[in-house]
């Protein structure tokens, strides 16, 4: 039986809903929650579940397809691709740094101390370097 996948978005967040959806699905993909070849929920189904417009979910899926995570085809939906060899991207590093800054700002706004944020980032980096990201 497949594990229950829960995506939560905050419509009051300054982070656009499509980005929150893409980030949540990307985390599940990295963890292996969705195996290669699996179909994700349809755009309309996920939109209804999240209470957002279907174009919001479609944009999140397009972002993930552009990153090489998904194959999008009419009448076939969003199929998980094999990312064992991700495509290198020139924009990846500046984008990563920007997203880390945004996450850091969100964490500080939530009341976390800079030392706690830094320790958390180091712990994730250590897991990544060891090749064992843990499920959240």
Protein backbone atom coordinates (compact mmCIF):
# COMPACT_ATOMS: atom_id res chain seq x y z
CA UNK A 1 0.00 0.00 0.00
CA UNK A 2 1.30 3.46 -0.90
CA UNK A 3 1.98 5.88 1.96
CA UNK A 4 -0.46 8.74 2.37
CA UNK A 5 0.95 11.88 0.82
CA UNK A 6 -0.13 15.16 2.37
CA UNK A 7 0.66 18.49 0.78
CA UNK A 8 -0.08 21.59 2.78
CA UNK A 9 0.02 25.09 1.38
CA UNK A 10 -0.38 28.44 3.07
CA UNK A 11 -2.31 30.84 0.87
CA UNK A 12 -1.26 33.72 3.14
CA UNK A 13 2.43 32.96 2.54
CA UNK A 14 4.52 35.27 0.36
CA UNK A 15 5.70 32.13 -1.45
CA UNK A 16 3.36 31.54 -4.40
CA UNK A 17 1.07 28.52 -4.06
CA UNK A 18 2.47 26.86 -7.20
CA UNK A 19 5.98 27.11 -5.72
CA UNK A 20 4.82 25.61 -2.40
CA UNK A 21 3.21 22.72 -4.29
CA UNK A 22 6.31 22.15 -6.44
CA UNK A 23 8.55 22.26 -3.36
CA UNK A 24 6.41 19.72 -1.50
CA UNK A 25 6.22 17.33 -4.44
CA UNK A 26 9.96 17.73 -5.12
CA UNK A 27 10.68 16.72 -1.51
CA UNK A 28 8.54 13.59 -1.95
CA UNK A 29 10.34 12.80 -5.21
CA UNK A 30 13.76 13.14 -3.57
CA UNK A 31 12.64 10.84 -0.75
CA UNK A 32 11.42 8.27 -3.25
CA UNK A 33 7.80 8.48 -2.14
CA UNK A 34 6.80 8.45 -5.82
CA UNK A 35 8.76 5.75 -7.67
CA UNK A 36 9.91 6.16 -11.27
CA UNK A 37 7.02 5.51 -13.65
CA UNK A 38 4.30 6.40 -11.14
CA UNK A 39 1.61 8.84 -12.15
CA UNK A 40 1.00 11.80 -9.88
CA UNK A 41 -2.55 12.86 -9.09
CA UNK A 42 -4.23 14.66 -11.95
CA UNK A 43 -3.98 18.43 -12.00
CA UNK A 44 -7.70 18.83 -11.38
CA UNK A 45 -7.79 16.26 -8.57
CA UNK A 46 -4.89 17.87 -6.71
CA UNK A 47 -6.33 21.34 -7.29
CA UNK A 48 -9.64 20.29 -5.72
CA UNK A 49 -7.83 18.65 -2.78
CA UNK A 50 -5.77 21.78 -2.14
CA UNK A 51 -8.54 24.27 -2.85
CA UNK A 52 -6.63 26.09 -5.56
CA UNK A 53 -7.20 26.80 -9.25
CA UNK A 54 -6.11 24.01 -11.58
CA UNK A 55 -3.68 26.39 -13.32
CA UNK A 56 -1.79 26.70 -10.01
CA UNK A 57 -1.18 22.95 -9.89
CA UNK A 58 -0.42 22.86 -13.62
CA UNK A 59 2.29 25.49 -13.12
CA UNK A 60 3.82 23.46 -10.27
CA UNK A 61 3.88 20.39 -12.52
CA UNK A 62 5.49 22.44 -15.33
CA UNK A 63 8.22 23.62 -12.95
CA UNK A 64 8.96 20.01 -11.99
CA UNK A 65 8.89 18.92 -15.63
CA UNK A 66 11.36 21.70 -16.52
CA UNK A 67 13.63 20.37 -13.76
CA UNK A 68 13.47 16.88 -15.25
CA UNK A 69 11.33 15.28 -12.55
CA UNK A 70 8.16 14.72 -14.56
CA UNK A 71 7.05 13.78 -18.04
CA UNK A 72 3.87 15.68 -18.88
CA UNK A 73 1.66 14.36 -21.65
CA UNK A 74 -1.95 14.95 -22.53
CA UNK A 75 -4.21 12.11 -21.44
CA UNK A 76 -1.30 10.42 -19.61
CA UNK A 77 -0.83 12.92 -16.79
CA UNK A 78 2.38 13.59 -14.89
CA UNK A 79 4.69 10.58 -14.85
CA UNK A 80 7.73 10.43 -12.55
CA UNK A 81 11.01 10.27 -14.47
CA UNK A 82 14.30 8.65 -13.45
CA UNK A 83 16.52 11.39 -12.03
CA UNK A 84 19.49 9.21 -11.16
CA UNK A 85 21.46 11.44 -13.51
CA UNK A 86 19.96 14.91 -13.23
CA UNK A 87 20.54 17.43 -15.98
CA UNK A 88 23.08 20.05 -14.94
CA UNK A 89 21.77 23.58 -14.97
CA UNK A 90 23.68 26.86 -14.91
CA UNK A 91 20.82 28.51 -13.07
CA UNK A 92 20.69 25.84 -10.37
CA UNK A 93 23.26 27.28 -7.96
CA UNK A 94 22.04 30.91 -7.92
CA UNK A 95 18.48 29.61 -7.64
CA UNK A 96 19.49 27.36 -4.74
CA UNK A 97 21.20 30.20 -2.91
CA UNK A 98 18.13 32.41 -3.38
CA UNK A 99 15.80 29.69 -2.10
CA UNK A 100 18.06 29.05 0.91
CA UNK A 101 17.91 32.77 1.72
CA UNK A 102 14.12 32.68 1.45
CA UNK A 103 13.91 29.61 3.70
CA UNK A 104 16.24 31.25 6.18
CA UNK A 105 14.07 34.38 6.24
CA UNK A 106 10.94 32.25 6.73
CA UNK A 107 12.59 30.36 9.59
CA UNK A 108 13.66 33.59 11.27
CA UNK A 109 10.18 35.03 10.82
CA UNK A 110 8.85 31.89 12.53
CA UNK A 111 11.06 32.69 15.52
CA UNK A 112 13.94 30.25 15.02
CA UNK A 113 17.36 31.46 16.13
CA UNK A 114 20.09 31.80 13.47
CA UNK A 115 22.16 29.09 15.21
CA UNK A 116 19.23 26.63 15.04
CA UNK A 117 18.73 27.38 11.35
CA UNK A 118 22.46 26.93 10.64
CA UNK A 119 22.58 23.65 12.59
CA UNK A 120 19.55 22.36 10.68
CA UNK A 121 21.13 23.25 7.33
CA UNK A 122 24.37 21.53 8.34
CA UNK A 123 22.46 18.39 9.36
CA UNK A 124 20.67 18.25 6.00
CA UNK A 125 23.94 18.88 4.14
CA UNK A 126 25.63 16.07 6.08
CA UNK A 127 22.81 13.66 5.19
CA UNK A 128 23.02 14.72 1.56
CA UNK A 129 26.79 14.23 1.43
CA UNK A 130 26.40 10.78 3.00
CA UNK A 131 23.75 9.90 0.41
CA UNK A 132 21.06 9.32 2.97
CA UNK A 133 18.42 11.96 3.12
CA UNK A 134 15.86 10.99 5.71
CA UNK A 135 12.14 11.25 5.20
CA UNK A 136 10.58 14.24 6.86
